[in-house]
Protein backbone atom coordinates (compact mmCIF):
# COMPACT_ATOMS: atom_id res chain seq x y z
CA MET A 1 16.74 40.94 -6.71
CA ASP A 2 20.11 40.01 -8.31
CA SER A 3 20.34 39.81 -12.21
CA GLU A 4 20.96 36.25 -12.54
CA LEU A 5 17.50 35.23 -10.74
CA LYS A 6 15.83 38.20 -12.76
CA LYS A 7 16.95 36.53 -15.78
CA LYS A 8 15.80 33.01 -14.76
CA ILE A 9 12.34 34.30 -13.97
CA GLU A 10 11.91 36.38 -17.07
CA ALA A 11 12.60 33.48 -19.45
CA LEU A 12 9.86 31.30 -17.35
CA LEU A 13 7.45 34.41 -17.92
CA PRO A 14 6.23 33.89 -21.53
CA LYS A 15 5.44 30.27 -20.88
CA LEU A 16 2.31 31.45 -18.42
CA GLY A 17 -0.71 30.84 -19.10
CA THR A 18 0.30 28.13 -22.36
CA GLY A 19 -0.35 24.94 -20.41
CA TYR A 20 3.37 24.64 -19.91
CA GLU A 21 4.09 22.20 -16.67
CA PHE A 22 6.30 24.08 -14.50
CA SER A 23 8.18 22.14 -12.13
CA GLU A 24 8.34 22.77 -8.27
CA LYS A 25 11.59 24.30 -8.50
CA GLU A 26 10.22 26.78 -11.21
CA LYS A 27 7.01 27.56 -9.59
CA GLU A 28 9.32 28.59 -6.52
CA LEU A 29 11.45 31.10 -8.61
CA LEU A 30 7.98 32.53 -10.40
CA ARG A 31 7.32 33.18 -6.59
CA SER A 32 10.08 35.69 -6.40
CA TYR A 33 8.69 37.73 -9.11
CA SER A 34 8.05 41.45 -8.20
CA GLY A 35 6.81 43.66 -10.74
CA LYS A 36 8.15 46.66 -11.42
CA GLY A 37 7.04 48.85 -8.38
CA GLY A 38 9.29 51.89 -7.93
CA SER A 39 10.83 51.50 -11.40
CA LYS A 40 11.81 54.51 -13.60
CA ASP A 41 11.45 52.43 -16.96
CA THR A 42 7.25 52.42 -16.92
CA THR A 43 4.59 54.91 -17.16
CA ASP A 44 2.43 52.48 -16.13
CA ARG A 45 0.57 53.55 -13.20
CA GLY A 46 -0.59 50.07 -12.06
CA ILE A 47 2.92 48.82 -12.49
CA LEU A 48 4.33 51.69 -10.45
CA ASP A 49 2.12 50.92 -7.74
CA GLU A 50 3.59 47.14 -7.47
CA TYR A 51 5.62 46.87 -4.40
CA TYR A 52 4.70 43.10 -3.13
CA THR A 53 4.79 42.23 0.19
CA PRO A 54 7.83 40.18 1.76
CA ASP A 55 6.65 36.40 3.14
CA GLU A 56 7.57 37.36 7.01
CA ILE A 57 5.15 40.23 6.54
CA CYS A 58 2.06 38.25 5.20
CA ASN A 59 2.80 35.45 7.60
CA TYR A 60 2.75 38.03 10.43
CA MET A 61 -0.77 39.58 9.08
CA TYR A 62 -2.55 36.11 8.65
CA ARG A 63 -1.03 35.40 12.63
CA LEU A 64 -2.63 38.61 13.88
CA ALA A 65 -5.85 37.79 11.74
CA CYS A 66 -5.75 34.45 13.79
CA ARG A 67 -4.86 36.24 17.01
CA TYR A 68 -8.13 38.37 16.54
CA GLY A 69 -10.73 35.38 15.64
CA TYR A 70 -10.30 34.25 12.14
CA LYS A 71 -10.63 30.47 12.07
CA LYS A 72 -11.76 29.55 8.77
CA GLY A 73 -14.14 30.90 6.14
CA ASN A 74 -14.53 33.02 2.88
CA VAL A 75 -11.47 35.53 2.34
CA LEU A 76 -10.96 38.59 -0.07
CA GLU A 77 -7.38 39.66 -1.24
CA PRO A 78 -8.40 43.11 -3.30
CA SER A 79 -5.01 43.48 -4.69
CA CYS A 80 -3.05 39.98 -4.58
CA ALA A 81 -0.49 40.14 -6.88
CA THR A 82 1.43 36.85 -7.03
CA GLY A 83 -0.40 36.00 -3.84
CA ASN A 84 1.94 36.23 -0.95
CA MET A 85 -0.49 37.35 1.43
CA ILE A 86 -2.86 33.97 0.11
CA ARG A 87 -0.02 31.76 0.69
CA PRO A 88 -0.40 31.44 4.60
CA ILE A 89 -3.95 30.74 4.40
CA TYR A 90 -4.02 28.36 1.70
CA GLN A 91 -0.85 26.19 2.59
CA ARG A 92 -3.10 25.57 6.06
CA GLY A 93 -6.03 25.14 4.25
CA ASP A 94 -7.93 28.00 6.62
CA PHE A 95 -10.71 29.04 3.99
CA ASN A 96 -13.89 27.99 2.57
CA ASN A 97 -13.26 30.13 -0.44
CA ILE A 98 -10.73 32.99 -1.61
CA ASP A 99 -11.81 35.80 -3.88
CA ALA A 100 -8.77 37.93 -5.31
CA PHE A 101 -8.13 40.84 -7.62
CA GLU A 102 -5.09 41.77 -9.78
CA ILE A 103 -4.97 43.95 -12.65
CA ASN A 104 -1.31 42.71 -13.86
CA LYS A 105 -2.14 40.24 -15.98
CA THR A 106 1.63 38.57 -15.40
CA SER A 107 1.18 38.68 -11.47
CA MET A 108 -2.33 36.94 -11.94
CA GLU A 109 -1.49 34.42 -14.49
CA ILE A 110 1.55 33.28 -11.36
CA CYS A 111 -0.76 33.24 -8.31
CA LYS A 112 -3.38 31.23 -10.62
CA LEU A 113 -0.47 28.57 -10.99
CA LEU A 114 0.72 28.50 -7.34
CA TYR A 115 -2.73 28.78 -5.88
CA PRO A 116 -5.09 27.09 -8.35
CA LYS A 117 -8.23 26.74 -6.02
CA VAL A 118 -8.65 30.90 -5.66
CA ASN A 119 -11.24 32.65 -7.72
CA LEU A 120 -9.19 35.39 -9.61
CA ASN A 121 -10.35 38.45 -11.60
CA ASN A 122 -7.52 40.12 -13.76
CA ASN A 123 -9.30 43.70 -13.12
CA TYR A 124 -9.80 46.43 -10.76
CA PHE A 125 -11.02 45.70 -7.64
CA GLU A 126 -13.45 48.73 -8.25
CA THR A 127 -15.37 46.04 -10.71
CA ALA A 128 -16.80 44.33 -7.75
CA PHE A 129 -19.32 47.13 -7.10
CA LEU A 130 -20.20 47.70 -10.78
CA GLU A 131 -22.64 45.79 -13.27
CA GLN A 132 -21.46 43.21 -15.19
CA PRO A 133 -20.22 42.65 -17.90
CA ARG A 134 -19.48 46.03 -18.64
CA PHE A 135 -18.49 47.76 -15.29
CA SER A 136 -19.90 50.77 -16.66
CA THR A 137 -22.81 51.59 -13.93
CA LEU A 138 -22.83 51.19 -10.27
CA ALA A 139 -24.38 47.92 -9.14
CA LYS A 140 -27.05 47.67 -5.99
CA LYS A 141 -24.88 45.34 -4.79
CA THR A 142 -21.87 43.37 -5.36
CA TRP A 143 -21.64 40.24 -7.74
CA LEU A 144 -19.26 38.67 -5.55
CA GLU A 145 -21.14 35.54 -4.84
CA ASN A 146 -19.02 34.58 -1.94
CA ALA A 147 -19.72 37.98 0.24
CA PRO A 148 -19.86 38.79 2.95
CA TYR A 149 -16.42 37.79 3.85
CA ASP A 150 -15.02 36.53 7.40
CA LEU A 151 -11.04 37.74 6.27
CA VAL A 152 -10.54 40.52 3.86
CA ILE A 153 -6.33 41.03 4.31
CA GLY A 154 -3.90 42.84 1.60
CA ASN A 155 -1.86 45.61 0.89
CA PRO A 156 -3.62 48.10 -1.34
CA PRO A 157 -2.36 50.79 -3.36
CA TYR A 158 -1.49 54.04 -2.34
CA GLY A 159 -2.11 57.49 -3.78
CA SER A 160 -4.76 59.63 -5.58
CA HIS A 161 -7.93 57.27 -6.61
CA VAL A 162 -7.96 57.99 -10.18
CA ASN A 163 -8.05 54.92 -12.65
CA ARG A 164 -10.27 53.79 -15.27
CA TYR A 165 -13.31 53.09 -12.94
CA SER A 166 -12.86 55.72 -10.18
CA SER A 167 -15.37 58.08 -11.87
CA TYR A 168 -18.11 55.97 -11.27
CA PHE A 169 -17.70 56.65 -7.52
CA LYS A 170 -19.37 59.72 -6.22
CA GLY A 171 -20.71 61.36 -3.38
CA LYS A 172 -19.97 58.93 -0.15
CA ASN A 173 -18.77 56.48 -2.26
CA HIS A 174 -15.92 58.69 -3.73
CA PHE A 175 -12.34 58.48 -1.73
CA LYS A 176 -9.68 60.69 -2.67
CA GLN A 177 -7.00 58.07 -1.45
CA VAL A 178 -7.14 54.67 -3.27
CA GLU A 179 -6.41 53.06 -0.16
CA MET A 180 -9.01 54.55 1.69
CA PHE A 181 -11.59 53.27 -1.50
CA PHE A 182 -10.29 50.00 -0.97
CA LEU A 183 -10.21 50.13 3.36
CA TRP A 184 -14.09 51.37 2.96
CA LYS A 185 -15.26 49.07 0.27
CA GLY A 186 -13.35 46.05 2.12
CA LEU A 187 -15.27 46.64 5.40
CA GLU A 188 -18.21 46.89 3.24
CA LEU A 189 -17.78 43.56 2.13
CA LEU A 190 -17.18 41.80 5.57
CA LYS A 191 -19.83 40.00 7.53
CA SER A 192 -20.42 41.32 11.20
CA GLY A 193 -17.71 40.10 13.04
CA GLY A 194 -15.16 39.79 10.07
CA LEU A 195 -11.83 41.25 10.26
CA LEU A 196 -10.04 43.77 7.65
CA VAL A 197 -6.08 43.59 7.90
CA TYR A 198 -4.33 45.92 5.80
CA ILE A 199 -1.33 47.55 5.13
CA SER A 200 -1.60 51.40 5.38
CA SER A 201 0.13 54.52 4.40
CA LEU A 202 1.50 56.06 7.76
CA ASN A 203 -0.98 58.95 7.02
CA PHE A 204 -4.18 57.40 7.89
CA MET A 205 -2.75 56.63 11.64
CA GLN A 206 -1.20 60.04 12.02
CA SER A 207 -2.97 62.47 9.78
CA GLY A 208 -5.52 64.59 11.67
CA THR A 209 -7.21 66.26 8.58
CA LEU A 210 -6.35 64.36 5.39
CA TYR A 211 -8.10 61.04 6.69
CA GLN A 212 -10.59 62.21 9.79
CA ASP A 213 -13.86 62.09 7.92
CA VAL A 214 -12.91 58.38 6.78
CA LYS A 215 -12.11 57.86 10.46
CA ASP A 216 -15.24 59.08 11.48
CA ARG A 217 -17.07 57.09 9.05
CA VAL A 218 -14.92 53.82 9.41
CA GLY A 219 -15.91 54.25 13.22
CA GLU A 220 -19.59 53.71 12.34
CA ILE A 221 -19.14 51.00 11.05
CA ALA A 222 -15.77 48.90 12.34
CA SER A 223 -14.29 49.08 15.70
CA PHE A 224 -10.11 49.59 15.81
CA LEU A 225 -8.39 46.24 17.06
CA ASP A 226 -4.64 47.02 17.01
CA ALA A 227 -1.88 48.61 14.49
CA TYR A 228 1.50 48.02 14.21
CA ARG A 229 4.31 50.29 12.71
CA ILE A 230 6.60 48.07 9.83
CA PRO A 231 9.80 49.60 9.05
CA PRO A 232 11.04 49.93 5.34
CA VAL A 233 10.60 46.57 3.84
CA PHE A 234 9.80 47.01 0.15
CA GLU A 235 12.17 47.17 -2.90
CA ASN A 236 12.73 50.18 -4.05
CA THR A 237 11.19 52.32 -1.47
CA GLY A 238 12.28 53.56 1.78
CA ILE A 239 8.79 54.30 3.32
CA SER A 240 7.37 52.99 6.80
CA THR A 241 3.82 51.53 6.53
CA ASP A 242 1.63 50.41 9.31
CA ILE A 243 -0.66 46.71 9.87
CA ILE A 244 -4.06 48.16 10.89
CA ILE A 245 -6.50 45.60 11.96
CA LEU A 246 -10.22 46.43 12.27
CA LYS A 247 -13.46 44.47 12.89
CA LYS A 248 -16.73 45.17 11.44
CA LYS A 249 -19.82 45.78 13.87
């Protein structure tokens, strides 16, 4: 992002959540907000994990969901940022309800501005499986009223599953890698026949040991439909990733 565009976006951020009436041009500027993924000027884990998905990838993932059977229904985006992944679904009106989670308050406010019909939660995805309102004990079932979903779509964070809520997930609910937590819990929230379309680290498809136990478990509740390798497209990183498509049994 060039410095001039960055300055224009930063000038708009303090107006979020104040009742200020943003013009369409200003909204389009805010769509370009990309957090601080890969930045060296922060130590915040949540912010360091911010790699916002380019529009062309989001559009392609939604087309894949449609190719494999999604038409219209309840949708979950468990790590939505400013809503890039939500945009193609929202613009077409191909949803009954959209639920989303985002821990970055700024990104969440931008998403709320751009997509006001989305049910947004400014919290960790883990809280969907903890008792409200304190989120200090495991829930018997999720409090998300629109579950089970027809489509779970997103670009979950990667790396070790260590955050303020990860310690509540033990035994079969424990996953060393946060992306595997998102994958498994996303599948749990799907209805039978529902689709999960995720961007995943290369390790899930390539590694034979680190992820094998998770793969075996996933195979018990979901069918693998397809996968696509994505070249490096995320700002400030040269990492390639995969799009994976799974169908709940």
